[in-house]
């Protein structure tokens, strides 16, 4: 895990929050990617308390706040004796995907709002 840099397809998050869903949408609108929750920006493993119910809640939150609905794969991985979540997002076949009406795409290691022209181009494709 420590060898992975944040990039166009890898993101680290300390905890599950709205930025995670923004990243899921950005990945879905570009080439897909993986989000690791329980890792700080400086790649220190902090871990996360997680259960099957927690994962189901996250999936429901993601599904309900994305349009079209995105359902990522979420796995618990043990690293250095701590649990972290790996959220895998595929590039979505129907684009663009939005989070609460906002469209994001991935550029290098950050999310950017899509311009109206980019949104229209994605609809056309």
Foldseek 3Di string as FASTA:
>chain_A
DQPDAQWLAEEEEQADDVVVLLNLLQLQQPAWHKYKYQADNNRRRRADDDDPVRLVVSQVLSQVFKVVGFRWDWDWDADPNGTMIITTHGHHPQDRMDGNPWGWHGDIRDIDTDDPVRRVVSNVD
